[in-house]
PDB file of all heavy atoms in Angstrom:
ATOM      1  N   ARG A   1      10.928   2.705  10.806  1.00  0.00           N
ATOM      2  CA  ARG A   1       9.801   3.491  10.337  1.00  0.00           C
ATOM      3  C   ARG A   1       8.503   2.729  10.601  1.00  0.00           C
ATOM      4  O   ARG A   1       8.498   1.502  10.722  1.00  0.00           O
ATOM      5  CB  ARG A   1       9.921   3.822   8.846  1.00  0.00           C
ATOM      6  CG  ARG A   1       9.886   2.616   7.913  1.00  0.00           C
ATOM      7  CD  ARG A   1      10.221   3.046   6.493  1.00  0.00           C
ATOM      8  NE  ARG A   1      10.165   1.928   5.554  1.00  0.00           N
ATOM      9  CZ  ARG A   1      10.554   2.012   4.290  1.00  0.00           C
ATOM     10  NH1 ARG A   1      11.028   3.160   3.803  1.00  0.00           N
ATOM     11  NH2 ARG A   1      10.447   0.952   3.495  1.00  0.00           N
ATOM     12  N   ARG A   2       7.421   3.491  10.709  1.00  0.00           N
ATOM     13  CA  ARG A   2       6.133   2.880  10.955  1.00  0.00           C
ATOM     14  C   ARG A   2       5.060   3.589  10.143  1.00  0.00           C
ATOM     15  O   ARG A   2       5.012   4.824  10.118  1.00  0.00           O
ATOM     16  CB  ARG A   2       5.774   2.940  12.440  1.00  0.00           C
ATOM     17  CG  ARG A   2       4.463   2.248  12.769  1.00  0.00           C
ATOM     18  CD  ARG A   2       4.303   2.020  14.238  1.00  0.00           C
ATOM     19  NE  ARG A   2       4.281   3.263  14.999  1.00  0.00           N
ATOM     20  CZ  ARG A   2       4.341   3.314  16.323  1.00  0.00           C
ATOM     21  NH1 ARG A   2       4.424   2.209  17.034  1.00  0.00           N
ATOM     22  NH2 ARG A   2       4.309   4.473  16.932  1.00  0.00           N
ATOM     23  N   THR A   3       4.224   2.785   9.528  1.00  0.00           N
ATOM     24  CA  THR A   3       3.048   3.290   8.839  1.00  0.00           C
ATOM     25  C   THR A   3       1.818   2.866   9.632  1.00  0.00           C
ATOM     26  O   THR A   3       1.872   1.888  10.384  1.00  0.00           O
ATOM     27  CB  THR A   3       2.972   2.760   7.407  1.00  0.00           C
ATOM     28  OG1 THR A   3       3.055   1.318   7.446  1.00  0.00           O
ATOM     29  CG2 THR A   3       4.112   3.292   6.565  1.00  0.00           C
ATOM     30  N   PRO A   4       0.698   3.572   9.478  1.00  0.00           N
ATOM     31  CA  PRO A   4      -0.508   3.254  10.258  1.00  0.00           C
ATOM     32  C   PRO A   4      -0.918   1.796  10.116  1.00  0.00           C
ATOM     33  O   PRO A   4      -0.965   1.255   9.009  1.00  0.00           O
ATOM     34  CB  PRO A   4      -1.559   4.200   9.681  1.00  0.00           C
ATOM     35  CG  PRO A   4      -0.772   5.360   9.178  1.00  0.00           C
ATOM     36  CD  PRO A   4       0.494   4.771   8.643  1.00  0.00           C
ATOM     37  N   GLY A   5      -1.175   1.175  11.234  1.00  0.00           N
ATOM     38  CA  GLY A   5      -1.643  -0.198  11.230  1.00  0.00           C
ATOM     39  C   GLY A   5      -0.565  -1.247  11.106  1.00  0.00           C
ATOM     40  O   GLY A   5      -0.863  -2.439  11.071  1.00  0.00           O
ATOM     41  N   LYS A   6       0.693  -0.804  11.047  1.00  0.00           N
ATOM     42  CA  LYS A   6       1.792  -1.757  10.894  1.00  0.00           C
ATOM     43  C   LYS A   6       2.770  -1.645  12.046  1.00  0.00           C
ATOM     44  O   LYS A   6       2.837  -0.626  12.736  1.00  0.00           O
ATOM     45  CB  LYS A   6       2.509  -1.539   9.567  1.00  0.00           C
ATOM     46  CG  LYS A   6       1.676  -1.861   8.347  1.00  0.00           C
ATOM     47  CD  LYS A   6       2.527  -1.796   7.089  1.00  0.00           C
ATOM     48  CE  LYS A   6       1.733  -2.179   5.863  1.00  0.00           C
ATOM     49  NZ  LYS A   6       2.562  -2.138   4.624  1.00  0.00           N
ATOM     50  N   GLU A   7       3.550  -2.707  12.211  1.00  0.00           N
ATOM     51  CA  GLU A   7       4.601  -2.683  13.220  1.00  0.00           C
ATOM     52  C   GLU A   7       5.754  -1.796  12.751  1.00  0.00           C
ATOM     53  O   GLU A   7       5.918  -1.530  11.558  1.00  0.00           O
ATOM     54  CB  GLU A   7       5.117  -4.109  13.445  1.00  0.00           C
ATOM     55  CG  GLU A   7       4.095  -5.068  14.006  1.00  0.00           C
ATOM     56  CD  GLU A   7       3.738  -4.727  15.432  1.00  0.00           C
ATOM     57  OE1 GLU A   7       4.632  -4.296  16.180  1.00  0.00           O
ATOM     58  OE2 GLU A   7       2.559  -4.889  15.804  1.00  0.00           O
ATOM     59  N   ARG A   8       6.544  -1.365  13.728  1.00  0.00           N
ATOM     60  CA  ARG A   8       7.732  -0.596  13.398  1.00  0.00           C
ATOM     61  C   ARG A   8       8.685  -1.480  12.587  1.00  0.00           C
ATOM     62  O   ARG A   8       8.975  -2.617  12.963  1.00  0.00           O
ATOM     63  CB  ARG A   8       8.378  -0.110  14.684  1.00  0.00           C
ATOM     64  CG  ARG A   8       9.219   1.121  14.541  1.00  0.00           C
ATOM     65  CD  ARG A   8       9.566   1.711  15.891  1.00  0.00           C
ATOM     66  NE  ARG A   8       8.420   2.304  16.554  1.00  0.00           N
ATOM     67  CZ  ARG A   8       8.519   3.118  17.601  1.00  0.00           C
ATOM     68  NH1 ARG A   8       9.702   3.411  18.104  1.00  0.00           N
ATOM     69  NH2 ARG A   8       7.441   3.605  18.160  1.00  0.00           N
ATOM     70  N   GLU A   9       9.209  -0.936  11.479  1.00  0.00           N
ATOM     71  CA  GLU A   9       9.986  -1.693  10.507  1.00  0.00           C
ATOM     72  C   GLU A   9      11.427  -1.205  10.493  1.00  0.00           C
ATOM     73  O   GLU A   9      11.682   0.004  10.458  1.00  0.00           O
ATOM     74  CB  GLU A   9       9.366  -1.498   9.125  1.00  0.00           C
ATOM     75  CG  GLU A   9      10.152  -2.081   7.970  1.00  0.00           C
ATOM     76  CD  GLU A   9       9.616  -1.615   6.616  1.00  0.00           C
ATOM     77  OE1 GLU A   9       9.106  -0.483   6.542  1.00  0.00           O
ATOM     78  OE2 GLU A   9       9.732  -2.378   5.653  1.00  0.00           O
ATOM     79  N   PHE A  10      12.355  -2.153  10.491  1.00  0.00           N
ATOM     80  CA  PHE A  10      13.773  -1.818  10.414  1.00  0.00           C
ATOM     81  C   PHE A  10      14.107  -1.175   9.073  1.00  0.00           C
ATOM     82  O   PHE A  10      13.648  -1.628   8.015  1.00  0.00           O
ATOM     83  CB  PHE A  10      14.601  -3.076  10.609  1.00  0.00           C
ATOM     84  CG  PHE A  10      16.065  -2.894  10.332  1.00  0.00           C
ATOM     85  CD1 PHE A  10      16.869  -2.221  11.242  1.00  0.00           C
ATOM     86  CD2 PHE A  10      16.645  -3.373   9.166  1.00  0.00           C
ATOM     87  CE1 PHE A  10      18.229  -2.050  10.995  1.00  0.00           C
ATOM     88  CE2 PHE A  10      17.984  -3.203   8.905  1.00  0.00           C
ATOM     89  CZ  PHE A  10      18.775  -2.538   9.822  1.00  0.00           C
ATOM     90  N   VAL A  11      14.937  -0.134   9.121  1.00  0.00           N
ATOM     91  CA  VAL A  11      15.385   0.534   7.898  1.00  0.00           C
ATOM     92  C   VAL A  11      16.900   0.384   7.733  1.00  0.00           C
ATOM     93  O   VAL A  11      17.373  -0.092   6.701  1.00  0.00           O
ATOM     94  CB  VAL A  11      14.993   2.025   7.909  1.00  0.00           C
ATOM     95  CG1 VAL A  11      15.577   2.745   6.695  1.00  0.00           C
ATOM     96  CG2 VAL A  11      13.484   2.193   7.976  1.00  0.00           C
ATOM     97  N   ALA A  12      17.664   0.820   8.745  1.00  0.00           N
ATOM     98  CA  ALA A  12      19.123   0.787   8.639  1.00  0.00           C
ATOM     99  C   ALA A  12      19.730   0.870  10.031  1.00  0.00           C
ATOM    100  O   ALA A  12      19.099   1.357  10.966  1.00  0.00           O
ATOM    101  CB  ALA A  12      19.627   1.937   7.780  1.00  0.00           C
ATOM    102  N   ALA A  13      20.967   0.391  10.146  1.00  0.00           N
ATOM    103  CA  ALA A  13      21.692   0.470  11.409  1.00  0.00           C
ATOM    104  C   ALA A  13      23.171   0.680  11.127  1.00  0.00           C
ATOM    105  O   ALA A  13      23.676   0.302  10.062  1.00  0.00           O
ATOM    106  CB  ALA A  13      21.477  -0.785  12.242  1.00  0.00           C
ATOM    107  N   ILE A  14      23.853   1.273  12.103  1.00  0.00           N
ATOM    108  CA  ILE A  14      25.279   1.549  11.962  1.00  0.00           C
ATOM    109  C   ILE A  14      25.947   1.268  13.301  1.00  0.00           C
ATOM    110  O   ILE A  14      25.378   1.561  14.364  1.00  0.00           O
ATOM    111  CB  ILE A  14      25.491   3.007  11.499  1.00  0.00           C
ATOM    112  CG1 ILE A  14      26.949   3.272  11.142  1.00  0.00           C
ATOM    113  CG2 ILE A  14      24.985   4.006  12.538  1.00  0.00           C
ATOM    114  CD1 ILE A  14      27.149   4.579  10.377  1.00  0.00           C
ATOM    115  N   ASN A  15      27.156   0.720  13.257  1.00  0.00           N
ATOM    116  CA  ASN A  15      27.799   0.378  14.520  1.00  0.00           C
ATOM    117  C   ASN A  15      28.447   1.601  15.144  1.00  0.00           C
ATOM    118  O   ASN A  15      28.391   2.710  14.602  1.00  0.00           O
ATOM    119  CB  ASN A  15      28.780  -0.773  14.340  1.00  0.00           C
ATOM    120  CG  ASN A  15      30.077  -0.339  13.685  1.00  0.00           C
ATOM    121  OD1 ASN A  15      30.095   0.652  12.953  1.00  0.00           O
ATOM    122  ND2 ASN A  15      31.146  -1.055  13.957  1.00  0.00           N
ATOM    123  N   TRP A  16      29.095   1.418  16.259  1.00  0.00           N
ATOM    124  CA  TRP A  16      29.531   2.537  17.085  1.00  0.00           C
ATOM    125  C   TRP A  16      30.500   3.474  16.380  1.00  0.00           C
ATOM    126  O   TRP A  16      30.500   4.675  16.629  1.00  0.00           O
ATOM    127  CB  TRP A  16      30.155   2.010  18.385  1.00  0.00           C
ATOM    128  CG  TRP A  16      31.434   1.262  18.166  1.00  0.00           C
ATOM    129  CD1 TRP A  16      31.568  -0.054  17.823  1.00  0.00           C
ATOM    130  CD2 TRP A  16      32.756   1.790  18.255  1.00  0.00           C
ATOM    131  NE1 TRP A  16      32.881  -0.388  17.683  1.00  0.00           N
ATOM    132  CE2 TRP A  16      33.636   0.727  17.947  1.00  0.00           C
ATOM    133  CE3 TRP A  16      33.283   3.043  18.566  1.00  0.00           C
ATOM    134  CZ2 TRP A  16      35.008   0.882  17.947  1.00  0.00           C
ATOM    135  CZ3 TRP A  16      34.655   3.206  18.560  1.00  0.00           C
ATOM    136  CH2 TRP A  16      35.502   2.126  18.249  1.00  0.00           C
ATOM    137  N   ASN A  17      31.325   2.948  15.476  1.00  0.00           N
ATOM    138  CA  ASN A  17      32.321   3.809  14.832  1.00  0.00           C
ATOM    139  C   ASN A  17      32.040   4.032  13.351  1.00  0.00           C
ATOM    140  O   ASN A  17      32.880   4.592  12.637  1.00  0.00           O
ATOM    141  CB  ASN A  17      33.719   3.229  15.016  1.00  0.00           C
ATOM    142  CG  ASN A  17      33.911   1.924  14.259  1.00  0.00           C
ATOM    143  OD1 ASN A  17      32.984   1.395  13.645  1.00  0.00           O
ATOM    144  ND2 ASN A  17      35.116   1.399  14.302  1.00  0.00           N
ATOM    145  N   GLY A  18      30.884   3.599  12.899  1.00  0.00           N
ATOM    146  CA  GLY A  18      30.520   3.813  11.504  1.00  0.00           C
ATOM    147  C   GLY A  18      31.131   2.822  10.540  1.00  0.00           C
ATOM    148  O   GLY A  18      30.935   2.945   9.329  1.00  0.00           O
ATOM    149  N   GLY A  19      31.823   1.830  11.051  1.00  0.00           N
ATOM    150  CA  GLY A  19      32.528   0.902  10.183  1.00  0.00           C
ATOM    151  C   GLY A  19      31.688  -0.234   9.641  1.00  0.00           C
ATOM    152  O   GLY A  19      32.147  -0.977   8.771  1.00  0.00           O
ATOM    153  N   SER A  20      30.497  -0.370  10.135  1.00  0.00           N
ATOM    154  CA  SER A  20      29.626  -1.453   9.695  1.00  0.00           C
ATOM    155  C   SER A  20      28.193  -0.947   9.624  1.00  0.00           C
ATOM    156  O   SER A  20      27.755  -0.199  10.511  1.00  0.00           O
ATOM    157  CB  SER A  20      29.712  -2.619  10.675  1.00  0.00           C
ATOM    158  OG  SER A  20      28.868  -3.689  10.276  1.00  0.00           O
ATOM    159  N   THR A  21      27.483  -1.358   8.586  1.00  0.00           N
ATOM    160  CA  THR A  21      26.096  -0.936   8.415  1.00  0.00           C
ATOM    161  C   THR A  21      25.232  -2.109   7.950  1.00  0.00           C
ATOM    162  O   THR A  21      25.725  -3.054   7.327  1.00  0.00           O
ATOM    163  CB  THR A  21      25.961   0.196   7.376  1.00  0.00           C
ATOM    164  OG1 THR A  21      26.538  -0.247   6.135  1.00  0.00           O
ATOM    165  CG2 THR A  21      26.665   1.465   7.836  1.00  0.00           C
ATOM    166  N   TYR A  22      23.948  -2.020   8.278  1.00  0.00           N
ATOM    167  CA  TYR A  22      22.945  -2.956   7.771  1.00  0.00           C
ATOM    168  C   TYR A  22      21.824  -2.140   7.136  1.00  0.00           C
ATOM    169  O   TYR A  22      21.518  -1.045   7.600  1.00  0.00           O
ATOM    170  CB  TYR A  22      22.327  -3.778   8.902  1.00  0.00           C
ATOM    171  CG  TYR A  22      23.191  -4.860   9.483  1.00  0.00           C
ATOM    172  CD1 TYR A  22      22.982  -5.299  10.803  1.00  0.00           C
ATOM    173  CD2 TYR A  22      24.188  -5.487   8.762  1.00  0.00           C
ATOM    174  CE1 TYR A  22      23.740  -6.294  11.358  1.00  0.00           C
ATOM    175  CE2 TYR A  22      24.961  -6.494   9.311  1.00  0.00           C
ATOM    176  CZ  TYR A  22      24.731  -6.896  10.618  1.00  0.00           C
ATOM    177  OH  TYR A  22      25.492  -7.894  11.173  1.00  0.00           O
ATOM    178  N   TYR A  23      21.194  -2.716   6.125  1.00  0.00           N
ATOM    179  CA  TYR A  23      20.045  -2.074   5.492  1.00  0.00           C
ATOM    180  C   TYR A  23      18.938  -3.091   5.264  1.00  0.00           C
ATOM    181  O   TYR A  23      19.202  -4.265   4.996  1.00  0.00           O
ATOM    182  CB  TYR A  23      20.429  -1.471   4.143  1.00  0.00           C
ATOM    183  CG  TYR A  23      21.391  -0.315   4.241  1.00  0.00           C
ATOM    184  CD1 TYR A  23      22.753  -0.501   4.118  1.00  0.00           C
ATOM    185  CD2 TYR A  23      20.915   0.981   4.478  1.00  0.00           C
ATOM    186  CE1 TYR A  23      23.639   0.554   4.226  1.00  0.00           C
ATOM    187  CE2 TYR A  23      21.799   2.050   4.586  1.00  0.00           C
ATOM    188  CZ  TYR A  23      23.156   1.820   4.453  1.00  0.00           C
ATOM    189  OH  TYR A  23      24.020   2.871   4.567  1.00  0.00           O
ATOM    190  N   ALA A  24      17.715  -2.609   5.322  1.00  0.00           N
ATOM    191  CA  ALA A  24      16.596  -3.433   4.869  1.00  0.00           C
ATOM    192  C   ALA A  24      16.675  -3.577   3.355  1.00  0.00           C
ATOM    193  O   ALA A  24      17.136  -2.664   2.653  1.00  0.00           O
ATOM    194  CB  ALA A  24      15.276  -2.778   5.268  1.00  0.00           C
ATOM    195  N   ASP A  25      16.204  -4.696   2.858  1.00  0.00           N
ATOM    196  CA  ASP A  25      16.250  -4.922   1.408  1.00  0.00           C
ATOM    197  C   ASP A  25      15.496  -3.834   0.647  1.00  0.00           C
ATOM    198  O   ASP A  25      15.878  -3.465  -0.462  1.00  0.00           O
ATOM    199  CB  ASP A  25      15.646  -6.291   1.075  1.00  0.00           C
ATOM    200  CG  ASP A  25      16.525  -7.433   1.532  1.00  0.00           C
ATOM    201  OD1 ASP A  25      17.727  -7.209   1.806  1.00  0.00           O
ATOM    202  OD2 ASP A  25      16.004  -8.563   1.629  1.00  0.00           O
ATOM    203  N   SER A  26      14.446  -3.324   1.244  1.00  0.00           N
ATOM    204  CA  SER A  26      13.595  -2.348   0.563  1.00  0.00           C
ATOM    205  C   SER A  26      14.266  -0.997   0.349  1.00  0.00           C
ATOM    206  O   SER A  26      13.793  -0.202  -0.473  1.00  0.00           O
ATOM    207  CB  SER A  26      12.300  -2.152   1.355  1.00  0.00           C
ATOM    208  OG  SER A  26      12.587  -1.705   2.666  1.00  0.00           O
ATOM    209  N   VAL A  27      15.348  -0.730   1.081  1.00  0.00           N
ATOM    210  CA  VAL A  27      15.992   0.584   0.961  1.00  0.00           C
ATOM    211  C   VAL A  27      17.449   0.485   0.505  1.00  0.00           C
ATOM    212  O   VAL A  27      18.067   1.515   0.199  1.00  0.00           O
ATOM    213  CB  VAL A  27      15.932   1.363   2.295  1.00  0.00           C
ATOM    214  CG1 VAL A  27      14.495   1.455   2.794  1.00  0.00           C
ATOM    215  CG2 VAL A  27      16.844   0.762   3.358  1.00  0.00           C
ATOM    216  N   ARG A  28      17.985  -0.721   0.451  1.00  0.00           N
ATOM    217  CA  ARG A  28      19.396  -0.874   0.086  1.00  0.00           C
ATOM    218  C   ARG A  28      19.636  -0.312  -1.309  1.00  0.00           C
ATOM    219  O   ARG A  28      18.898  -0.560  -2.247  1.00  0.00           O
ATOM    220  CB  ARG A  28      19.798  -2.345   0.131  1.00  0.00           C
ATOM    221  CG  ARG A  28      21.292  -2.573  -0.087  1.00  0.00           C
ATOM    222  CD  ARG A  28      21.681  -4.031   0.072  1.00  0.00           C
ATOM    223  NE  ARG A  28      21.530  -4.467   1.448  1.00  0.00           N
ATOM    224  CZ  ARG A  28      20.623  -5.336   1.837  1.00  0.00           C
ATOM    225  NH1 ARG A  28      19.757  -5.848   0.979  1.00  0.00           N
ATOM    226  NH2 ARG A  28      20.560  -5.696   3.102  1.00  0.00           N
ATOM    227  N   GLY A  29      20.698   0.497  -1.413  1.00  0.00           N
ATOM    228  CA  GLY A  29      21.009   1.136  -2.684  1.00  0.00           C
ATOM    229  C   GLY A  29      20.357   2.499  -2.858  1.00  0.00           C
ATOM    230  O   GLY A  29      20.723   3.254  -3.769  1.00  0.00           O
ATOM    231  N   ARG A  30      19.392   2.832  -1.997  1.00  0.00           N
ATOM    232  CA  ARG A  30      18.722   4.137  -2.070  1.00  0.00           C
ATOM    233  C   ARG A  30      18.970   4.975  -0.818  1.00  0.00           C
ATOM    234  O   ARG A  30      19.043   6.207  -0.911  1.00  0.00           O
ATOM    235  CB  ARG A  30      17.210   3.959  -2.250  1.00  0.00           C
ATOM    236  CG  ARG A  30      16.806   3.199  -3.495  1.00  0.00           C
ATOM    237  CD  ARG A  30      15.288   3.212  -3.680  1.00  0.00           C
ATOM    238  NE  ARG A  30      14.564   2.578  -2.590  1.00  0.00           N
ATOM    239  CZ  ARG A  30      13.678   3.211  -1.808  1.00  0.00           C
ATOM    240  NH1 ARG A  30      13.406   4.492  -2.001  1.00  0.00           N
ATOM    241  NH2 ARG A  30      13.051   2.544  -0.842  1.00  0.00           N
TER     242      ARG A  30
END
């Protein structure tokens, strides 16, 4: 995601088969 004046920020990622995920601390749990 990106807000005006800021760099693009990582939110979440998922691997090819859905078996592994990563989240940014700011969104984990939500």
